[in-house]
Amino acid sequence: MNLTWQNTREIGEALYDQFPDLDPKTVRFTDLHRWSVSLRISMTILKLQTKKY
């Protein structure tokens, strides 16, 4: 999955899958940003690992 900042729903769903017990209304912006960037990096690494050369 190639996520960009335009894919807000997909980012939200992926973060919910990763942190199902968190109430999204109580998350600090700094944590949300860190998790989103981490998620994008994880997706990029996964994409590179599955890429056929």
Protein backbone atom coordinates (compact mmCIF):
# COMPACT_ATOMS: atom_id res chain seq x y z
CA MET A 1 0.00 0.00 0.00
CA ASN A 2 1.44 3.35 -1.01
CA LEU A 3 0.21 5.89 1.53
CA THR A 4 0.38 9.63 1.06
CA TRP A 5 -0.97 12.39 3.28
CA GLN A 6 -4.01 12.46 0.96
CA ASN A 7 -5.02 8.92 2.07
CA THR A 8 -6.43 10.03 5.42
CA ARG A 9 -8.98 7.24 5.70
CA GLU A 10 -6.43 4.51 4.98
CA ILE A 11 -4.00 6.04 7.48
CA GLY A 12 -6.77 6.19 10.08
CA GLU A 13 -7.78 2.58 9.48
CA ALA A 14 -4.17 1.38 9.65
CA LEU A 15 -3.60 3.28 12.89
CA TYR A 16 -6.83 1.85 14.31
CA ASP A 17 -5.60 -1.64 13.44
CA GLN A 18 -2.35 -0.88 15.24
CA PHE A 19 -3.92 0.81 18.30
CA PRO A 20 -7.49 -0.54 18.65
CA ASP A 21 -7.88 0.44 22.32
CA LEU A 22 -7.16 4.15 21.86
CA ASP A 23 -9.91 6.73 21.72
CA PRO A 24 -9.00 8.93 18.72
CA LYS A 25 -10.40 12.00 20.48
CA THR A 26 -7.78 11.70 23.23
CA VAL A 27 -4.67 11.32 21.06
CA ARG A 28 -2.20 14.20 21.07
CA PHE A 29 -1.25 15.59 17.67
CA THR A 30 2.43 14.90 18.32
CA ASP A 31 1.70 11.21 18.93
CA LEU A 32 -0.59 11.01 15.90
CA HIS A 33 2.10 12.55 13.70
CA ARG A 34 4.82 10.22 15.02
CA TRP A 35 2.63 7.14 14.51
CA SER A 36 1.57 8.25 11.02
CA VAL A 37 5.16 8.84 9.92
CA SER A 38 6.19 5.52 11.45
CA LEU A 39 3.33 3.81 9.62
CA ARG A 40 4.38 5.32 6.28
CA ILE A 41 7.97 4.19 6.86
CA SER A 42 6.78 0.68 7.77
CA MET A 43 4.66 0.50 4.61
CA THR A 44 7.60 1.66 2.48
CA ILE A 45 9.92 -0.94 4.02
CA LEU A 46 7.30 -3.66 3.52
CA LYS A 47 6.87 -2.59 -0.10
CA LEU A 48 10.63 -2.73 -0.67
CA GLN A 49 10.90 -6.15 0.96
CA THR A 50 8.19 -7.63 -1.27
CA LYS A 51 9.44 -5.97 -4.46
CA LYS A 52 10.75 -8.42 -7.04
CA TYR A 53 14.06 -7.48 -8.60
